[in-house]
C-alpha atoms as a PDB file:
ATOM      1  CA  MET A   1      -2.155 -25.101  50.420  1.00  0.00           C
ATOM      2  CA  ALA A   2      -1.819 -28.342  48.454  1.00  0.00           C
ATOM      3  CA  LEU A   3      -2.914 -28.360  44.813  1.00  0.00           C
ATOM      4  CA  LEU A   4      -6.017 -30.304  43.837  1.00  0.00           C
ATOM      5  CA  ARG A   5      -6.116 -32.300  40.597  1.00  0.00           C
ATOM      6  CA  GLY A   6      -9.115 -33.398  38.521  1.00  0.00           C
ATOM      7  CA  SER A   7     -11.754 -32.265  36.084  1.00  0.00           C
ATOM      8  CA  VAL A   8     -14.497 -31.995  38.722  1.00  0.00           C
ATOM      9  CA  LEU A   9     -14.201 -29.449  41.506  1.00  0.00           C
ATOM     10  CA  CYS A  10     -14.846 -30.630  45.060  1.00  0.00           C
ATOM     11  CA  LEU A  11     -14.425 -27.844  47.543  1.00  0.00           C
ATOM     12  CA  PRO A  12     -13.304 -28.963  51.002  1.00  0.00           C
ATOM     13  CA  SER A  13     -14.292 -26.871  53.988  1.00  0.00           C
ATOM     14  CA  THR A  14     -10.861 -25.245  54.178  1.00  0.00           C
ATOM     15  CA  TYR A  15     -11.533 -23.534  50.802  1.00  0.00           C
ATOM     16  CA  SER A  16     -14.665 -21.800  52.002  1.00  0.00           C
ATOM     17  CA  HIS A  17     -12.481 -19.415  53.995  1.00  0.00           C
ATOM     18  CA  ALA A  18      -9.640 -19.097  51.502  1.00  0.00           C
ATOM     19  CA  GLY A  19     -11.210 -16.085  49.766  1.00  0.00           C
ATOM     20  CA  LYS A  20      -9.753 -17.078  46.386  1.00  0.00           C
ATOM     21  CA  LEU A  21      -9.410 -20.319  44.461  1.00  0.00           C
ATOM     22  CA  LEU A  22      -7.520 -20.519  41.185  1.00  0.00           C
ATOM     23  CA  LYS A  23      -8.055 -22.924  38.318  1.00  0.00           C
ATOM     24  CA  TRP A  24      -5.650 -23.654  35.448  1.00  0.00           C
ATOM     25  CA  VAL A  25      -4.568 -26.459  33.116  1.00  0.00           C
ATOM     26  CA  ASP A  26      -1.098 -27.951  33.403  1.00  0.00           C
ATOM     27  CA  ASP A  27       1.196 -29.064  30.589  1.00  0.00           C
ATOM     28  CA  ASN A  28      -0.409 -32.511  30.574  1.00  0.00           C
ATOM     29  CA  GLY A  29      -3.887 -31.108  30.014  1.00  0.00           C
ATOM     30  CA  GLN A  30      -4.986 -31.782  33.602  1.00  0.00           C
ATOM     31  CA  VAL A  31      -7.160 -29.242  35.412  1.00  0.00           C
ATOM     32  CA  ARG A  32      -5.535 -27.924  38.571  1.00  0.00           C
ATOM     33  CA  TYR A  33      -6.852 -25.935  41.547  1.00  0.00           C
ATOM     34  CA  GLY A  34      -5.084 -24.005  44.255  1.00  0.00           C
ATOM     35  CA  ASP A  35      -4.717 -20.675  46.024  1.00  0.00           C
ATOM     36  CA  ARG A  36      -1.419 -20.052  44.231  1.00  0.00           C
ATOM     37  CA  ILE A  37      -0.425 -20.816  40.665  1.00  0.00           C
ATOM     38  CA  PRO A  38       3.037 -22.264  39.972  1.00  0.00           C
ATOM     39  CA  PRO A  39       5.348 -19.782  38.198  1.00  0.00           C
ATOM     40  CA  GLN A  40       5.589 -21.939  35.064  1.00  0.00           C
ATOM     41  CA  TYR A  41       1.841 -21.544  34.511  1.00  0.00           C
ATOM     42  CA  ALA A  42       1.677 -17.795  35.189  1.00  0.00           C
ATOM     43  CA  LYS A  43       1.185 -16.995  31.501  1.00  0.00           C
ATOM     44  CA  LYS A  44      -1.515 -19.619  30.921  1.00  0.00           C
ATOM     45  CA  LYS A  45      -5.251 -19.034  31.108  1.00  0.00           C
ATOM     46  CA  LEU A  46      -6.287 -18.588  34.728  1.00  0.00           C
ATOM     47  CA  GLU A  47      -9.764 -18.592  36.272  1.00  0.00           C
ATOM     48  CA  THR A  48     -10.666 -17.307  39.730  1.00  0.00           C
ATOM     49  CA  LEU A  49     -13.510 -19.183  41.453  1.00  0.00           C
ATOM     50  CA  SER A  50     -15.879 -18.093  44.188  1.00  0.00           C
ATOM     51  CA  ASP A  51     -16.587 -20.114  47.339  1.00  0.00           C
ATOM     52  CA  GLN A  52     -19.321 -21.889  45.373  1.00  0.00           C
ATOM     53  CA  GLY A  53     -16.944 -22.798  42.528  1.00  0.00           C
ATOM     54  CA  ILE A  54     -18.345 -20.178  40.131  1.00  0.00           C
ATOM     55  CA  VAL A  55     -15.905 -18.433  37.804  1.00  0.00           C
ATOM     56  CA  VAL A  56     -15.791 -14.780  38.850  1.00  0.00           C
ATOM     57  CA  GLU A  57     -12.742 -13.672  36.886  1.00  0.00           C
ATOM     58  CA  THR A  58     -10.805 -14.953  33.875  1.00  0.00           C
ATOM     59  CA  LYS A  59      -7.301 -13.997  32.858  1.00  0.00           C
ATOM     60  CA  GLU A  60      -6.576 -15.101  29.313  1.00  0.00           C
ATOM     61  CA  ALA A  61      -3.312 -16.821  28.489  1.00  0.00           C
ATOM     62  CA  ALA A  62      -0.441 -14.605  27.397  1.00  0.00           C
ATOM     63  CA  LYS A  63      -0.287 -14.383  23.612  1.00  0.00           C
ATOM     64  CA  THR A  64       2.507 -16.154  21.776  1.00  0.00           C
ATOM     65  CA  PRO A  65       4.881 -14.188  19.514  1.00  0.00           C
ATOM     66  CA  GLU A  66       3.045 -15.699  16.537  1.00  0.00           C
ATOM     67  CA  GLN A  67      -0.324 -14.563  17.891  1.00  0.00           C
ATOM     68  CA  LEU A  68       1.016 -11.077  18.584  1.00  0.00           C
ATOM     69  CA  ALA A  69       2.463 -10.881  15.066  1.00  0.00           C
ATOM     70  CA  GLU A  70      -0.851 -11.985  13.530  1.00  0.00           C
ATOM     71  CA  GLU A  71      -2.748  -9.492  15.672  1.00  0.00           C
ATOM     72  CA  LYS A  72      -0.412  -6.739  14.510  1.00  0.00           C
ATOM     73  CA  ARG A  73      -0.883  -7.821  10.905  1.00  0.00           C
ATOM     74  CA  GLN A  74      -4.670  -7.763  11.256  1.00  0.00           C
ATOM     75  CA  GLN A  75      -4.548  -4.309  12.837  1.00  0.00           C
ATOM     76  CA  ALA A  76      -2.395  -3.088   9.957  1.00  0.00           C
ATOM     77  CA  LEU A  77      -4.912  -4.500   7.457  1.00  0.00           C
ATOM     78  CA  ILE A  78      -7.795  -2.767   9.219  1.00  0.00           C
ATOM     79  CA  LYS A  79      -5.845   0.493   9.290  1.00  0.00           C
ATOM     80  CA  GLU A  80      -5.014   0.211   5.577  1.00  0.00           C
ATOM     81  CA  LYS A  81      -8.645  -0.518   4.663  1.00  0.00           C
ATOM     82  CA  GLU A  82      -9.727   2.552   6.598  1.00  0.00           C
ATOM     83  CA  ARG A  83      -7.079   4.665   4.864  1.00  0.00           C
ATOM     84  CA  ILE A  84      -8.310   3.435   1.468  1.00  0.00           C
ATOM     85  CA  ARG A  85     -11.919   4.169   2.425  1.00  0.00           C
ATOM     86  CA  ILE A  86     -11.078   7.714   3.484  1.00  0.00           C
ATOM     87  CA  GLU A  87      -9.000   8.313   0.354  1.00  0.00           C
ATOM     88  CA  LYS A  88     -11.806   7.006  -1.853  1.00  0.00           C
ATOM     89  CA  ALA A  89     -14.322   9.282  -0.146  1.00  0.00           C
ATOM     90  CA  ARG A  90     -11.969  12.233  -0.607  1.00  0.00           C
ATOM     91  CA  ARG A  91     -11.543  11.482  -4.313  1.00  0.00           C
ATOM     92  CA  ASP A  92     -15.309  11.095  -4.754  1.00  0.00           C
ATOM     93  CA  SER A  93     -15.845  14.478  -3.163  1.00  0.00           C
ATOM     94  CA  ILE A  94     -13.249  16.129  -5.408  1.00  0.00           C
ATOM     95  CA  LEU A  95     -14.768  14.458  -8.473  1.00  0.00           C
ATOM     96  CA  LEU A  96     -18.242  15.795  -7.752  1.00  0.00           C
ATOM     97  CA  ASP A  97     -16.938  19.247  -6.815  1.00  0.00           C
ATOM     98  CA  THR A  98     -14.791  19.541  -9.947  1.00  0.00           C
ATOM     99  CA  PHE A  99     -17.131  18.311 -12.689  1.00  0.00           C
ATOM    100  CA  THR A 100     -20.834  18.724 -13.338  1.00  0.00           C
ATOM    101  CA  ASN A 101     -21.094  16.311 -16.282  1.00  0.00           C
ATOM    102  CA  GLU A 102     -19.113  13.775 -18.304  1.00  0.00           C
ATOM    103  CA  ASP A 103     -18.490  16.162 -21.205  1.00  0.00           C
ATOM    104  CA  GLU A 104     -16.426  18.375 -18.919  1.00  0.00           C
ATOM    105  CA  MET A 105     -14.357  15.371 -17.908  1.00  0.00           C
ATOM    106  CA  VAL A 106     -13.739  14.377 -21.541  1.00  0.00           C
ATOM    107  CA  MET A 107     -12.691  17.917 -22.435  1.00  0.00           C
ATOM    108  CA  THR A 108     -10.317  18.070 -19.494  1.00  0.00           C
ATOM    109  CA  ARG A 109      -8.822  14.689 -20.388  1.00  0.00           C
ATOM    110  CA  ASP A 110      -8.324  15.624 -24.039  1.00  0.00           C
ATOM    111  CA  GLY A 111      -6.795  18.955 -23.042  1.00  0.00           C
ATOM    112  CA  LYS A 112      -4.207  17.269 -20.831  1.00  0.00           C
ATOM    113  CA  ILE A 113      -3.358  14.732 -23.532  1.00  0.00           C
ATOM    114  CA  GLU A 114      -3.034  17.414 -26.212  1.00  0.00           C
ATOM    115  CA  ALA A 115      -0.749  19.523 -24.009  1.00  0.00           C
ATOM    116  CA  ILE A 116       1.597  16.555 -23.665  1.00  0.00           C
ATOM    117  CA  GLU A 117       1.282  15.832 -27.397  1.00  0.00           C
ATOM    118  CA  ALA A 118       2.453  19.375 -28.177  1.00  0.00           C
ATOM    119  CA  VAL A 119       5.541  18.872 -26.022  1.00  0.00           C
ATOM    120  CA  ILE A 120       6.230  15.549 -27.755  1.00  0.00           C
ATOM    121  CA  ARG A 121       6.047  17.214 -31.180  1.00  0.00           C
ATOM    122  CA  VAL A 122       8.517  19.909 -30.157  1.00  0.00           C
ATOM    123  CA  THR A 123      10.888  17.321 -28.692  1.00  0.00           C
ATOM    124  CA  ASN A 124      10.692  15.128 -31.784  1.00  0.00           C
ATOM    125  CA  LYS A 125      11.517  18.097 -34.041  1.00  0.00           C
ATOM    126  CA  ARG A 126      14.492  18.895 -31.837  1.00  0.00           C
ATOM    127  CA  THR A 127      15.604  15.273 -32.058  1.00  0.00           C
ATOM    128  CA  GLU A 128      15.433  15.322 -35.860  1.00  0.00           C
ATOM    129  CA  LYS A 129      17.650  18.398 -35.918  1.00  0.00           C
ATOM    130  CA  ASN A 130      20.046  16.728 -33.517  1.00  0.00           C
ATOM    131  CA  LYS A 131      20.201  13.669 -35.747  1.00  0.00           C
ATOM    132  CA  GLN A 132      21.109  15.855 -38.715  1.00  0.00           C
ATOM    133  CA  ARG A 133      23.818  17.599 -36.680  1.00  0.00           C
ATOM    134  CA  LEU A 134      25.114  14.200 -35.547  1.00  0.00           C
ATOM    135  CA  ALA A 135      25.275  13.014 -39.164  1.00  0.00           C
ATOM    136  CA  ASP A 136      27.237  16.152 -40.087  1.00  0.00           C
ATOM    137  CA  LEU A 137      29.670  15.671 -37.189  1.00  0.00           C
ATOM    138  CA  LYS A 138      30.221  12.026 -38.056  1.00  0.00           C
ATOM    139  CA  LEU A 139      30.843  12.965 -41.698  1.00  0.00           C
ATOM    140  CA  ARG A 140      33.485  15.492 -40.672  1.00  0.00           C
ATOM    141  CA  ALA A 141      35.165  12.872 -38.504  1.00  0.00           C
ATOM    142  CA  ALA A 142      35.037  10.310 -41.332  1.00  0.00           C
ATOM    143  CA  ASN A 143      36.562  12.786 -43.827  1.00  0.00           C
ATOM    144  CA  LEU A 144      39.413  13.508 -41.419  1.00  0.00           C
ATOM    145  CA  GLU A 145      40.092   9.801 -40.958  1.00  0.00           C
ATOM    146  CA  ARG A 146      40.073   9.183 -44.725  1.00  0.00           C
ATOM    147  CA  SER A 147      42.595  11.979 -45.212  1.00  0.00           C
ATOM    148  CA  GLY A 148      44.834  10.465 -42.574  1.00  0.00           C
ATOM    149  CA  LYS A 149      44.322  13.261 -40.125  1.00  0.00           C
ATOM    150  CA  PRO A 150      43.483  12.695 -36.431  1.00  0.00           C
ATOM    151  CA  VAL A 151      39.954  13.437 -35.268  1.00  0.00           C
ATOM    152  CA  PRO A 152      40.096  16.272 -32.701  1.00  0.00           C
ATOM    153  CA  LYS A 153      38.944  15.405 -29.170  1.00  0.00           C
ATOM    154  CA  LYS A 154      36.547  18.330 -29.313  1.00  0.00           C
ATOM    155  CA  LEU A 155      34.834  16.819 -32.366  1.00  0.00           C
ATOM    156  CA  LEU A 156      34.632  13.387 -30.715  1.00  0.00           C
ATOM    157  CA  LYS A 157      33.121  14.978 -27.621  1.00  0.00           C
ATOM    158  CA  SER A 158      30.546  16.809 -29.755  1.00  0.00           C
ATOM    159  CA  ILE A 159      29.565  13.517 -31.424  1.00  0.00           C
ATOM    160  CA  ASN A 160      29.193  11.799 -28.048  1.00  0.00           C
ATOM    161  CA  ASP A 161      27.230  14.720 -26.559  1.00  0.00           C
ATOM    162  CA  MET A 162      24.871  14.756 -29.530  1.00  0.00           C
ATOM    163  CA  ARG A 163      24.225  11.019 -29.203  1.00  0.00           C
ATOM    164  CA  ASN A 164      23.467  11.458 -25.487  1.00  0.00           C
ATOM    165  CA  GLN A 165      21.097  14.319 -26.241  1.00  0.00           C
ATOM    166  CA  ILE A 166      19.192  12.244 -28.786  1.00  0.00           C
ATOM    167  CA  GLN A 167      18.903   9.350 -26.319  1.00  0.00           C
ATOM    168  CA  SER A 168      17.731  11.746 -23.602  1.00  0.00           C
ATOM    169  CA  ASN A 169      15.063  13.178 -25.920  1.00  0.00           C
ATOM    170  CA  ASN A 170      13.863   9.686 -26.818  1.00  0.00           C
ATOM    171  CA  ARG A 171      13.552   8.747 -23.140  1.00  0.00           C
ATOM    172  CA  TYR A 172      11.649  11.956 -22.463  1.00  0.00           C
ATOM    173  CA  VAL A 173       9.168  11.218 -25.268  1.00  0.00           C
ATOM    174  CA  ALA A 174       8.721   7.632 -24.037  1.00  0.00           C
ATOM    175  CA  ASN A 175       7.924   8.898 -20.540  1.00  0.00           C
ATOM    176  CA  ARG A 176       5.416  11.416 -21.908  1.00  0.00           C
ATOM    177  CA  LEU A 177       3.666   8.653 -23.869  1.00  0.00           C
ATOM    178  CA  VAL A 178       3.380   6.649 -20.659  1.00  0.00           C
ATOM    179  CA  GLU A 179       1.974   9.733 -18.942  1.00  0.00           C
ATOM    180  CA  GLN A 180      -0.631  10.136 -21.678  1.00  0.00           C
ATOM    181  CA  GLN A 181      -1.779   6.542 -21.211  1.00  0.00           C
ATOM    182  CA  ARG A 182      -1.918   7.026 -17.450  1.00  0.00           C
ATOM    183  CA  ILE A 183      -4.197  10.038 -17.969  1.00  0.00           C
ATOM    184  CA  ARG A 184      -6.460   8.029 -20.289  1.00  0.00           C
ATOM    185  CA  ASP A 185      -6.700   5.178 -17.780  1.00  0.00           C
ATOM    186  CA  GLN A 186      -7.311   7.515 -14.843  1.00  0.00           C
ATOM    187  CA  PHE A 187     -10.059   9.451 -16.605  1.00  0.00           C
ATOM    188  CA  GLU A 188     -11.699   6.244 -17.766  1.00  0.00           C
ATOM    189  CA  ALA A 189     -11.877   5.114 -14.137  1.00  0.00           C
ATOM    190  CA  ASP A 190     -13.009   8.569 -12.989  1.00  0.00           C
ATOM    191  CA  ILE A 191     -15.777   8.772 -15.587  1.00  0.00           C
ATOM    192  CA  HIS A 192     -17.029   5.326 -14.559  1.00  0.00           C
ATOM    193  CA  ARG A 193     -17.004   6.371 -10.888  1.00  0.00           C
ATOM    194  CA  PHE A 194     -18.690   9.701 -11.743  1.00  0.00           C
ATOM    195  CA  ARG A 195     -21.562   7.789 -13.346  1.00  0.00           C
ATOM    196  CA  GLU A 196     -21.934   5.630 -10.237  1.00  0.00           C
ATOM    197  CA  LEU A 197     -21.980   8.651  -7.932  1.00  0.00           C
ATOM    198  CA  LYS A 198     -24.494  10.514 -10.073  1.00  0.00           C
ATOM    199  CA  ALA A 199     -26.724   7.444 -10.249  1.00  0.00           C
ATOM    200  CA  ALA A 200     -26.560   7.111  -6.460  1.00  0.00           C
ATOM    201  CA  GLN A 201     -27.482  10.776  -6.054  1.00  0.00           C
ATOM    202  CA  ALA A 202     -30.407  10.411  -8.432  1.00  0.00           C
ATOM    203  CA  LYS A 203     -31.643   7.368  -6.551  1.00  0.00           C
ATOM    204  CA  LEU A 204     -31.521   9.207  -3.214  1.00  0.00           C
ATOM    205  CA  MET A 205     -33.463  12.147  -4.651  1.00  0.00           C
ATOM    206  CA  SER A 206     -36.158   9.858  -6.070  1.00  0.00           C
ATOM    207  CA  GLU A 207     -36.751   8.094  -2.762  1.00  0.00           C
END
């Protein structure tokens, strides 16, 4: 069947028995009609018309790679928001199940910080001892050099090992200080959230 062109549909008598009439838009923006759609327009929006020219079915145009990528991105955003919502609800539940008041939260926070502080004190004392040992080793090496004697490899290795141990201890203490601050920040956020949850509970009970 020949294709019809135009923005207004005029159905000749031969179409009344065709059973199906298709409508699409070509690359020039012109509306086309026919009982078959050219292959190059197969992925474009396609409407099926009844004998009276009423749209009875619509097939949307195939999505472009850009549209598919954006759709995937939006789905990922929705999924991530849902994950965050579920995680927040889980944390809220744990918060209310674990503590009954803010004082308990403060005591728990301070206990965690003090436990880390105790470890820091022990490490710092060990570092001070290591520094004294390092000073002694370096003095022995210096005395040997002044007397014109070679410094044994074993002594040089001990000096290097002691320096590495001191550096390792310092890194450990720095990491524990960061951990202490993380605990302070986390409990500050938790206490604020605990107040919100308790206020919401009180409001529900008063209604």
